[in-house]
Amino acid sequence: MFQKLLLTNLFLLSLQLGFAQTAILRGTVTAADNNAAITDASVVLAQTGLFGATDARGAFILFEVPPGEYTIVVTRAGFLPFEQKTSLQAGQDFQLNISM
């Protein structure tokens, strides 16, 4: 019985460690002049193939981002593009508030 419990706990621990190997990037995109949410903005991690879009609240989220240094590029028609370099670590939940 003890061995089954130990094996179950080791399995759950290995799952947790496996998921902690990536980061989460989330944030909001708003207009600089009136702080209104910008919908349908494209959020891209340059040269990775990872991308997303903002929702009705201007929010976005990118899951399973490998640790590393990235350039975040946000674009939307009618606004100047936004670029920012950032570094993400494994297990990090990074919050970014962007004003365009």
PDB file of N, CA and C in Angstrom:
ATOM      1  N   MET A   1       0.822  -1.200   0.000  1.00  0.00           N
ATOM      2  CA  MET A   1       0.000   0.000   0.000  1.00  0.00           C
ATOM      3  C   MET A   1       0.870   1.270   0.000  1.00  0.00           C
ATOM      4  N   PHE A   2       1.893   1.255   0.840  1.00  0.00           N
ATOM      5  CA  PHE A   2       2.792   2.405   0.926  1.00  0.00           C
ATOM      6  C   PHE A   2       3.494   2.645  -0.405  1.00  0.00           C
ATOM      7  N   GLN A   3       3.879   1.561  -1.094  1.00  0.00           N
ATOM      8  CA  GLN A   3       4.569   1.697  -2.383  1.00  0.00           C
ATOM      9  C   GLN A   3       3.655   2.336  -3.428  1.00  0.00           C
ATOM     10  N   LYS A   4       2.388   1.961  -3.441  1.00  0.00           N
ATOM     11  CA  LYS A   4       1.447   2.557  -4.388  1.00  0.00           C
ATOM     12  C   LYS A   4       1.275   4.051  -4.121  1.00  0.00           C
ATOM     13  N   LEU A   5       1.189   4.407  -2.852  1.00  0.00           N
ATOM     14  CA  LEU A   5       1.057   5.815  -2.488  1.00  0.00           C
ATOM     15  C   LEU A   5       2.308   6.586  -2.879  1.00  0.00           C
ATOM     16  N   LEU A   6       3.455   6.011  -2.644  1.00  0.00           N
ATOM     17  CA  LEU A   6       4.716   6.655  -2.999  1.00  0.00           C
ATOM     18  C   LEU A   6       4.833   6.830  -4.510  1.00  0.00           C
ATOM     19  N   LEU A   7       4.493   5.799  -5.270  1.00  0.00           N
ATOM     20  CA  LEU A   7       4.559   5.894  -6.729  1.00  0.00           C
ATOM     21  C   LEU A   7       3.585   6.939  -7.271  1.00  0.00           C
ATOM     22  N   THR A   8       2.404   6.996  -6.690  1.00  0.00           N
ATOM     23  CA  THR A   8       1.421   7.999  -7.107  1.00  0.00           C
ATOM     24  C   THR A   8       1.946   9.402  -6.851  1.00  0.00           C
ATOM     25  N   ASN A   9       2.525   9.626  -5.680  1.00  0.00           N
ATOM     26  CA  ASN A   9       3.077  10.949  -5.356  1.00  0.00           C
ATOM     27  C   ASN A   9       4.244  11.311  -6.262  1.00  0.00           C
ATOM     28  N   LEU A  10       5.098  10.350  -6.574  1.00  0.00           N
ATOM     29  CA  LEU A  10       6.223  10.616  -7.475  1.00  0.00           C
ATOM     30  C   LEU A  10       5.731  10.954  -8.883  1.00  0.00           C
ATOM     31  N   PHE A  11       4.689  10.261  -9.322  1.00  0.00           N
ATOM     32  CA  PHE A  11       4.113  10.543 -10.634  1.00  0.00           C
ATOM     33  C   PHE A  11       3.542  11.961 -10.672  1.00  0.00           C
ATOM     34  N   LEU A  12       2.788  12.346  -9.649  1.00  0.00           N
ATOM     35  CA  LEU A  12       2.206  13.690  -9.601  1.00  0.00           C
ATOM     36  C   LEU A  12       3.287  14.759  -9.534  1.00  0.00           C
ATOM     37  N   LEU A  13       4.348  14.490  -8.808  1.00  0.00           N
ATOM     38  CA  LEU A  13       5.461  15.436  -8.728  1.00  0.00           C
ATOM     39  C   LEU A  13       6.135  15.595 -10.087  1.00  0.00           C
ATOM     40  N   SER A  14       6.318  14.500 -10.806  1.00  0.00           N
ATOM     41  CA  SER A  14       6.949  14.594 -12.125  1.00  0.00           C
ATOM     42  C   SER A  14       6.066  15.367 -13.096  1.00  0.00           C
ATOM     43  N   LEU A  15       4.742  15.213 -13.004  1.00  0.00           N
ATOM     44  CA  LEU A  15       3.841  16.003 -13.845  1.00  0.00           C
ATOM     45  C   LEU A  15       3.970  17.491 -13.547  1.00  0.00           C
ATOM     46  N   GLN A  16       4.032  17.815 -12.271  1.00  0.00           N
ATOM     47  CA  GLN A  16       4.148  19.215 -11.880  1.00  0.00           C
ATOM     48  C   GLN A  16       5.454  19.809 -12.388  1.00  0.00           C
ATOM     49  N   LEU A  17       6.535  19.077 -12.277  1.00  0.00           N
ATOM     50  CA  LEU A  17       7.828  19.569 -12.762  1.00  0.00           C
ATOM     51  C   LEU A  17       7.821  19.724 -14.272  1.00  0.00           C
ATOM     52  N   GLY A  18       7.129  18.836 -14.981  1.00  0.00           N
ATOM     53  CA  GLY A  18       7.043  18.927 -16.432  1.00  0.00           C
ATOM     54  C   GLY A  18       6.315  20.175 -16.878  1.00  0.00           C
ATOM     55  N   PHE A  19       5.260  20.553 -16.184  1.00  0.00           N
ATOM     56  CA  PHE A  19       4.509  21.745 -16.549  1.00  0.00           C
ATOM     57  C   PHE A  19       5.249  23.015 -16.168  1.00  0.00           C
ATOM     58  N   ALA A  20       6.136  22.958 -15.216  1.00  0.00           N
ATOM     59  CA  ALA A  20       6.846  24.147 -14.751  1.00  0.00           C
ATOM     60  C   ALA A  20       8.008  24.520 -15.671  1.00  0.00           C
ATOM     61  N   GLN A  21       8.186  23.809 -16.776  1.00  0.00           N
ATOM     62  CA  GLN A  21       9.298  24.082 -17.672  1.00  0.00           C
ATOM     63  C   GLN A  21       8.997  25.211 -18.656  1.00  0.00           C
ATOM     64  N   THR A  22       7.797  25.735 -18.619  1.00  0.00           N
ATOM     65  CA  THR A  22       7.420  26.826 -19.511  1.00  0.00           C
ATOM     66  C   THR A  22       6.904  28.000 -18.685  1.00  0.00           C
ATOM     67  N   ALA A  23       6.692  29.107 -19.366  1.00  0.00           N
ATOM     68  CA  ALA A  23       6.175  30.314 -18.711  1.00  0.00           C
ATOM     69  C   ALA A  23       4.830  30.682 -19.333  1.00  0.00           C
ATOM     70  N   ILE A  24       4.143  31.595 -18.672  1.00  0.00           N
ATOM     71  CA  ILE A  24       2.892  32.160 -19.185  1.00  0.00           C
ATOM     72  C   ILE A  24       3.113  33.658 -19.350  1.00  0.00           C
ATOM     73  N   LEU A  25       2.700  34.173 -20.488  1.00  0.00           N
ATOM     74  CA  LEU A  25       2.767  35.608 -20.750  1.00  0.00           C
ATOM     75  C   LEU A  25       1.339  36.103 -20.922  1.00  0.00           C
ATOM     76  N   ARG A  26       0.949  37.027 -20.078  1.00  0.00           N
ATOM     77  CA  ARG A  26      -0.404  37.589 -20.170  1.00  0.00           C
ATOM     78  C   ARG A  26      -0.327  39.093 -20.010  1.00  0.00           C
ATOM     79  N   GLY A  27      -1.371  39.763 -20.424  1.00  0.00           N
ATOM     80  CA  GLY A  27      -1.382  41.211 -20.279  1.00  0.00           C
ATOM     81  C   GLY A  27      -2.617  41.845 -20.862  1.00  0.00           C
ATOM     82  N   THR A  28      -2.577  43.162 -20.896  1.00  0.00           N
ATOM     83  CA  THR A  28      -3.654  43.945 -21.481  1.00  0.00           C
ATOM     84  C   THR A  28      -3.057  44.995 -22.404  1.00  0.00           C
ATOM     85  N   VAL A  29      -3.838  45.359 -23.416  1.00  0.00           N
ATOM     86  CA  VAL A  29      -3.423  46.379 -24.376  1.00  0.00           C
ATOM     87  C   VAL A  29      -4.485  47.470 -24.363  1.00  0.00           C
ATOM     88  N   THR A  30      -4.042  48.702 -24.091  1.00  0.00           N
ATOM     89  CA  THR A  30      -4.967  49.831 -24.018  1.00  0.00           C
ATOM     90  C   THR A  30      -4.459  50.987 -24.872  1.00  0.00           C
ATOM     91  N   ALA A  31      -5.372  51.894 -25.192  1.00  0.00           N
ATOM     92  CA  ALA A  31      -5.027  53.098 -25.950  1.00  0.00           C
ATOM     93  C   ALA A  31      -4.388  54.112 -25.015  1.00  0.00           C
ATOM     94  N   ALA A  32      -3.303  54.722 -25.459  1.00  0.00           N
ATOM     95  CA  ALA A  32      -2.575  55.686 -24.631  1.00  0.00           C
ATOM     96  C   ALA A  32      -3.392  56.940 -24.349  1.00  0.00           C
ATOM     97  N   ASP A  33      -4.235  57.352 -25.293  1.00  0.00           N
ATOM     98  CA  ASP A  33      -4.939  58.625 -25.128  1.00  0.00           C
ATOM     99  C   ASP A  33      -6.140  58.556 -24.192  1.00  0.00           C
ATOM    100  N   ASN A  34      -6.815  57.387 -24.113  1.00  0.00           N
ATOM    101  CA  ASN A  34      -8.006  57.318 -23.252  1.00  0.00           C
ATOM    102  C   ASN A  34      -8.098  56.059 -22.402  1.00  0.00           C
ATOM    103  N   ASN A  35      -7.068  55.234 -22.438  1.00  0.00           N
ATOM    104  CA  ASN A  35      -6.983  54.014 -21.624  1.00  0.00           C
ATOM    105  C   ASN A  35      -8.072  52.986 -21.975  1.00  0.00           C
ATOM    106  N   ALA A  36      -8.682  53.107 -23.151  1.00  0.00           N
ATOM    107  CA  ALA A  36      -9.701  52.142 -23.586  1.00  0.00           C
ATOM    108  C   ALA A  36      -9.029  50.855 -24.056  1.00  0.00           C
ATOM    109  N   ALA A  37      -9.692  49.737 -23.834  1.00  0.00           N
ATOM    110  CA  ALA A  37      -9.176  48.444 -24.271  1.00  0.00           C
ATOM    111  C   ALA A  37      -9.067  48.408 -25.795  1.00  0.00           C
ATOM    112  N   ILE A  38      -7.985  47.841 -26.291  1.00  0.00           N
ATOM    113  CA  ILE A  38      -7.803  47.657 -27.730  1.00  0.00           C
ATOM    114  C   ILE A  38      -8.093  46.192 -28.043  1.00  0.00           C
ATOM    115  N   THR A  39      -9.160  45.968 -28.795  1.00  0.00           N
ATOM    116  CA  THR A  39      -9.553  44.603 -29.156  1.00  0.00           C
ATOM    117  C   THR A  39      -8.892  44.165 -30.456  1.00  0.00           C
ATOM    118  N   ASP A  40      -8.757  42.877 -30.619  1.00  0.00           N
ATOM    119  CA  ASP A  40      -8.222  42.268 -31.838  1.00  0.00           C
ATOM    120  C   ASP A  40      -6.807  42.725 -32.183  1.00  0.00           C
ATOM    121  N   ALA A  41      -6.033  43.125 -31.187  1.00  0.00           N
ATOM    122  CA  ALA A  41      -4.627  43.442 -31.434  1.00  0.00           C
ATOM    123  C   ALA A  41      -3.857  42.123 -31.527  1.00  0.00           C
ATOM    124  N   SER A  42      -2.887  42.083 -32.395  1.00  0.00           N
ATOM    125  CA  SER A  42      -2.050  40.898 -32.574  1.00  0.00           C
ATOM    126  C   SER A  42      -0.860  40.984 -31.621  1.00  0.00           C
ATOM    127  N   VAL A  43      -0.646  39.922 -30.844  1.00  0.00           N
ATOM    128  CA  VAL A  43       0.473  39.844 -29.897  1.00  0.00           C
ATOM    129  C   VAL A  43       1.369  38.694 -30.347  1.00  0.00           C
ATOM    130  N   VAL A  44       2.617  39.008 -30.706  1.00  0.00           N
ATOM    131  CA  VAL A  44       3.523  38.017 -31.288  1.00  0.00           C
ATOM    132  C   VAL A  44       4.836  38.005 -30.515  1.00  0.00           C
ATOM    133  N   LEU A  45       5.362  36.804 -30.268  1.00  0.00           N
ATOM    134  CA  LEU A  45       6.731  36.673 -29.781  1.00  0.00           C
ATOM    135  C   LEU A  45       7.588  36.463 -31.023  1.00  0.00           C
ATOM    136  N   ALA A  46       8.337  37.492 -31.389  1.00  0.00           N
ATOM    137  CA  ALA A  46       9.082  37.498 -32.646  1.00  0.00           C
ATOM    138  C   ALA A  46       9.943  36.244 -32.799  1.00  0.00           C
ATOM    139  N   GLN A  47       9.902  35.676 -33.993  1.00  0.00           N
ATOM    140  CA  GLN A  47      10.716  34.540 -34.425  1.00  0.00           C
ATOM    141  C   GLN A  47      10.480  33.270 -33.613  1.00  0.00           C
ATOM    142  N   THR A  48       9.261  33.100 -33.066  1.00  0.00           N
ATOM    143  CA  THR A  48       8.960  31.872 -32.320  1.00  0.00           C
ATOM    144  C   THR A  48       7.766  31.117 -32.874  1.00  0.00           C
ATOM    145  N   GLY A  49       6.884  31.795 -33.590  1.00  0.00           N
ATOM    146  CA  GLY A  49       5.644  31.167 -34.021  1.00  0.00           C
ATOM    147  C   GLY A  49       4.553  31.237 -32.965  1.00  0.00           C
ATOM    148  N   LEU A  50       4.848  31.829 -31.802  1.00  0.00           N
ATOM    149  CA  LEU A  50       3.849  31.979 -30.747  1.00  0.00           C
ATOM    150  C   LEU A  50       3.144  33.316 -30.903  1.00  0.00           C
ATOM    151  N   PHE A  51       1.815  33.289 -30.882  1.00  0.00           N
ATOM    152  CA  PHE A  51       1.052  34.519 -31.077  1.00  0.00           C
ATOM    153  C   PHE A  51      -0.319  34.393 -30.431  1.00  0.00           C
ATOM    154  N   GLY A  52      -0.967  35.528 -30.272  1.00  0.00           N
ATOM    155  CA  GLY A  52      -2.316  35.565 -29.730  1.00  0.00           C
ATOM    156  C   GLY A  52      -2.973  36.863 -30.143  1.00  0.00           C
ATOM    157  N   ALA A  53      -4.183  37.072 -29.632  1.00  0.00           N
ATOM    158  CA  ALA A  53      -4.928  38.291 -29.937  1.00  0.00           C
ATOM    159  C   ALA A  53      -5.640  38.752 -28.680  1.00  0.00           C
ATOM    160  N   THR A  54      -5.891  40.042 -28.617  1.00  0.00           N
ATOM    161  CA  THR A  54      -6.595  40.581 -27.458  1.00  0.00           C
ATOM    162  C   THR A  54      -8.100  40.346 -27.594  1.00  0.00           C
ATOM    163  N   ASP A  55      -8.750  40.211 -26.449  1.00  0.00           N
ATOM    164  CA  ASP A  55     -10.199  40.003 -26.422  1.00  0.00           C
ATOM    165  C   ASP A  55     -10.913  41.347 -26.249  1.00  0.00           C
ATOM    166  N   ALA A  56     -12.187  41.305 -25.923  1.00  0.00           N
ATOM    167  CA  ALA A  56     -12.996  42.526 -25.786  1.00  0.00           C
ATOM    168  C   ALA A  56     -12.513  43.431 -24.656  1.00  0.00           C
ATOM    169  N   ARG A  57     -11.791  42.871 -23.689  1.00  0.00           N
ATOM    170  CA  ARG A  57     -11.243  43.669 -22.577  1.00  0.00           C
ATOM    171  C   ARG A  57      -9.812  44.110 -22.835  1.00  0.00           C
ATOM    172  N   GLY A  58      -9.291  43.771 -24.027  1.00  0.00           N
ATOM    173  CA  GLY A  58      -7.900  44.097 -24.352  1.00  0.00           C
ATOM    174  C   GLY A  58      -6.911  43.117 -23.758  1.00  0.00           C
ATOM    175  N   ALA A  59      -7.393  42.003 -23.225  1.00  0.00           N
ATOM    176  CA  ALA A  59      -6.531  41.021 -22.551  1.00  0.00           C
ATOM    177  C   ALA A  59      -6.040  39.960 -23.526  1.00  0.00           C
ATOM    178  N   PHE A  60      -4.844  39.455 -23.262  1.00  0.00           N
ATOM    179  CA  PHE A  60      -4.288  38.349 -24.049  1.00  0.00           C
ATOM    180  C   PHE A  60      -3.549  37.411 -23.101  1.00  0.00           C
ATOM    181  N   ILE A  61      -3.321  36.180 -23.569  1.00  0.00           N
ATOM    182  CA  ILE A  61      -2.550  35.213 -22.798  1.00  0.00           C
ATOM    183  C   ILE A  61      -1.880  34.229 -23.746  1.00  0.00           C
ATOM    184  N   LEU A  62      -0.605  33.979 -23.509  1.00  0.00           N
ATOM    185  CA  LEU A  62       0.165  32.992 -24.260  1.00  0.00           C
ATOM    186  C   LEU A  62       0.655  31.944 -23.264  1.00  0.00           C
ATOM    187  N   PHE A  63       0.256  30.711 -23.482  1.00  0.00           N
ATOM    188  CA  PHE A  63       0.654  29.608 -22.606  1.00  0.00           C
ATOM    189  C   PHE A  63       1.872  28.894 -23.176  1.00  0.00           C
ATOM    190  N   GLU A  64       2.544  28.139 -22.312  1.00  0.00           N
ATOM    191  CA  GLU A  64       3.641  27.244 -22.692  1.00  0.00           C
ATOM    192  C   GLU A  64       4.738  27.953 -23.480  1.00  0.00           C
ATOM    193  N   VAL A  65       5.162  29.088 -22.977  1.00  0.00           N
ATOM    194  CA  VAL A  65       6.267  29.828 -23.591  1.00  0.00           C
ATOM    195  C   VAL A  65       7.574  29.288 -23.007  1.00  0.00           C
ATOM    196  N   PRO A  66       8.466  28.772 -23.847  1.00  0.00           N
ATOM    197  CA  PRO A  66       9.743  28.278 -23.331  1.00  0.00           C
ATOM    198  C   PRO A  66      10.542  29.420 -22.701  1.00  0.00           C
ATOM    199  N   PRO A  67      11.314  29.127 -21.669  1.00  0.00           N
ATOM    200  CA  PRO A  67      12.143  30.177 -21.060  1.00  0.00           C
ATOM    201  C   PRO A  67      13.106  30.765 -22.100  1.00  0.00           C
ATOM    202  N   GLY A  68      13.365  32.059 -21.992  1.00  0.00           N
ATOM    203  CA  GLY A  68      14.292  32.701 -22.910  1.00  0.00           C
ATOM    204  C   GLY A  68      14.031  34.184 -23.020  1.00  0.00           C
ATOM    205  N   GLU A  69      14.806  34.813 -23.897  1.00  0.00           N
ATOM    206  CA  GLU A  69      14.658  36.250 -24.158  1.00  0.00           C
ATOM    207  C   GLU A  69      13.869  36.424 -25.443  1.00  0.00           C
ATOM    208  N   TYR A  70      12.896  37.335 -25.413  1.00  0.00           N
ATOM    209  CA  TYR A  70      11.992  37.521 -26.540  1.00  0.00           C
ATOM    210  C   TYR A  70      11.753  38.999 -26.814  1.00  0.00           C
ATOM    211  N   THR A  71      11.352  39.267 -28.045  1.00  0.00           N
ATOM    212  CA  THR A  71      10.821  40.567 -28.405  1.00  0.00           C
ATOM    213  C   THR A  71       9.332  40.385 -28.608  1.00  0.00           C
ATOM    214  N   ILE A  72       8.545  41.110 -27.827  1.00  0.00           N
ATOM    215  CA  ILE A  72       7.091  41.070 -27.926  1.00  0.00           C
ATOM    216  C   ILE A  72       6.682  42.179 -28.882  1.00  0.00           C
ATOM    217  N   VAL A  73       5.894  41.821 -29.894  1.00  0.00           N
ATOM    218  CA  VAL A  73       5.442  42.783 -30.888  1.00  0.00           C
ATOM    219  C   VAL A  73       3.914  42.795 -30.871  1.00  0.00           C
ATOM    220  N   VAL A  74       3.339  43.994 -30.672  1.00  0.00           N
ATOM    221  CA  VAL A  74       1.886  44.149 -30.660  1.00  0.00           C
ATOM    222  C   VAL A  74       1.511  45.115 -31.777  1.00  0.00           C
ATOM    223  N   THR A  75       0.569  44.685 -32.617  1.00  0.00           N
ATOM    224  CA  THR A  75       0.128  45.527 -33.722  1.00  0.00           C
ATOM    225  C   THR A  75      -1.398  45.547 -33.793  1.00  0.00           C
ATOM    226  N   ARG A  76      -1.896  46.668 -34.280  1.00  0.00           N
ATOM    227  CA  ARG A  76      -3.335  46.834 -34.506  1.00  0.00           C
ATOM    228  C   ARG A  76      -3.490  47.984 -35.493  1.00  0.00           C
ATOM    229  N   ALA A  77      -4.353  47.813 -36.469  1.00  0.00           N
ATOM    230  CA  ALA A  77      -4.593  48.876 -37.449  1.00  0.00           C
ATOM    231  C   ALA A  77      -5.004  50.152 -36.722  1.00  0.00           C
ATOM    232  N   GLY A  78      -4.416  51.271 -37.133  1.00  0.00           N
ATOM    233  CA  GLY A  78      -4.728  52.559 -36.529  1.00  0.00           C
ATOM    234  C   GLY A  78      -3.816  52.942 -35.377  1.00  0.00           C
ATOM    235  N   PHE A  79      -2.887  52.056 -35.003  1.00  0.00           N
ATOM    236  CA  PHE A  79      -1.961  52.317 -33.897  1.00  0.00           C
ATOM    237  C   PHE A  79      -0.535  52.037 -34.354  1.00  0.00           C
ATOM    238  N   LEU A  80       0.413  52.769 -33.777  1.00  0.00           N
ATOM    239  CA  LEU A  80       1.816  52.470 -34.035  1.00  0.00           C
ATOM    240  C   LEU A  80       2.170  51.143 -33.376  1.00  0.00           C
ATOM    241  N   PRO A  81       3.009  50.325 -34.029  1.00  0.00           N
ATOM    242  CA  PRO A  81       3.401  49.043 -33.427  1.00  0.00           C
ATOM    243  C   PRO A  81       4.135  49.252 -32.101  1.00  0.00           C
ATOM    244  N   PHE A  82       3.983  48.291 -31.204  1.00  0.00           N
ATOM    245  CA  PHE A  82       4.653  48.306 -29.913  1.00  0.00           C
ATOM    246  C   PHE A  82       5.641  47.144 -29.891  1.00  0.00           C
ATOM    247  N   GLU A  83       6.856  47.401 -29.437  1.00  0.00           N
ATOM    248  CA  GLU A  83       7.860  46.348 -29.286  1.00  0.00           C
ATOM    249  C   GLU A  83       8.525  46.485 -27.929  1.00  0.00           C
ATOM    250  N   GLN A  84       8.769  45.340 -27.298  1.00  0.00           N
ATOM    251  CA  GLN A  84       9.473  45.328 -26.009  1.00  0.00           C
ATOM    252  C   GLN A  84      10.217  44.015 -25.861  1.00  0.00           C
ATOM    253  N   LYS A  85      11.446  44.106 -25.393  1.00  0.00           N
ATOM    254  CA  LYS A  85      12.220  42.904 -25.099  1.00  0.00           C
ATOM    255  C   LYS A  85      11.948  42.492 -23.664  1.00  0.00           C
ATOM    256  N   THR A  86      11.858  41.178 -23.458  1.00  0.00           N
ATOM    257  CA  THR A  86      11.656  40.665 -22.116  1.00  0.00           C
ATOM    258  C   THR A  86      12.291  39.300 -21.989  1.00  0.00           C
ATOM    259  N   SER A  87      12.548  38.899 -20.778  1.00  0.00           N
ATOM    260  CA  SER A  87      13.125  37.596 -20.492  1.00  0.00           C
ATOM    261  C   SER A  87      12.145  36.824 -19.608  1.00  0.00           C
ATOM    262  N   LEU A  88      11.855  35.591 -19.999  1.00  0.00           N
ATOM    263  CA  LEU A  88      10.924  34.753 -19.244  1.00  0.00           C
ATOM    264  C   LEU A  88      11.659  33.552 -18.671  1.00  0.00           C
ATOM    265  N   GLN A  89      11.283  33.191 -17.453  1.00  0.00           N
ATOM    266  CA  GLN A  89      11.888  32.047 -16.776  1.00  0.00           C
ATOM    267  C   GLN A  89      10.862  30.939 -16.622  1.00  0.00           C
ATOM    268  N   ALA A  90      11.332  29.712 -16.505  1.00  0.00           N
ATOM    269  CA  ALA A  90      10.454  28.558 -16.325  1.00  0.00           C
ATOM    270  C   ALA A  90       9.575  28.753 -15.098  1.00  0.00           C
ATOM    271  N   GLY A  91       8.293  28.489 -15.252  1.00  0.00           N
ATOM    272  CA  GLY A  91       7.343  28.607 -14.160  1.00  0.00           C
ATOM    273  C   GLY A  91       6.836  30.014 -13.915  1.00  0.00           C
ATOM    274  N   GLN A  92       7.335  30.972 -14.652  1.00  0.00           N
ATOM    275  CA  GLN A  92       6.958  32.376 -14.443  1.00  0.00           C
ATOM    276  C   GLN A  92       5.599  32.678 -15.065  1.00  0.00           C
ATOM    277  N   ASP A  93       4.817  33.488 -14.381  1.00  0.00           N
ATOM    278  CA  ASP A  93       3.547  34.009 -14.907  1.00  0.00           C
ATOM    279  C   ASP A  93       3.756  35.511 -15.044  1.00  0.00           C
ATOM    280  N   PHE A  94       4.145  35.942 -16.246  1.00  0.00           N
ATOM    281  CA  PHE A  94       4.576  37.313 -16.494  1.00  0.00           C
ATOM    282  C   PHE A  94       3.391  38.162 -16.935  1.00  0.00           C
ATOM    283  N   GLN A  95       3.180  39.284 -16.278  1.00  0.00           N
ATOM    284  CA  GLN A  95       2.087  40.208 -16.579  1.00  0.00           C
ATOM    285  C   GLN A  95       2.661  41.436 -17.265  1.00  0.00           C
ATOM    286  N   LEU A  96       2.070  41.829 -18.399  1.00  0.00           N
ATOM    287  CA  LEU A  96       2.547  42.979 -19.163  1.00  0.00           C
ATOM    288  C   LEU A  96       1.367  43.867 -19.523  1.00  0.00           C
ATOM    289  N   ASN A  97       1.437  45.132 -19.154  1.00  0.00           N
ATOM    290  CA  ASN A  97       0.400  46.095 -19.511  1.00  0.00           C
ATOM    291  C   ASN A  97       0.968  47.034 -20.563  1.00  0.00           C
ATOM    292  N   ILE A  98       0.327  47.032 -21.735  1.00  0.00           N
ATOM    293  CA  ILE A  98       0.840  47.751 -22.895  1.00  0.00           C
ATOM    294  C   ILE A  98      -0.094  48.910 -23.227  1.00  0.00           C
ATOM    295  N   SER A  99       0.499  50.078 -23.442  1.00  0.00           N
ATOM    296  CA  SER A  99      -0.258  51.257 -23.839  1.00  0.00           C
ATOM    297  C   SER A  99       0.241  51.675 -25.214  1.00  0.00           C
ATOM    298  N   MET A 100      -0.671  51.739 -26.189  1.00  0.00           N
ATOM    299  CA  MET A 100      -0.291  52.066 -27.575  1.00  0.00           C
ATOM    300  C   MET A 100      -0.868  53.417 -27.971  1.00  0.00           C
TER     301      MET A 100
END
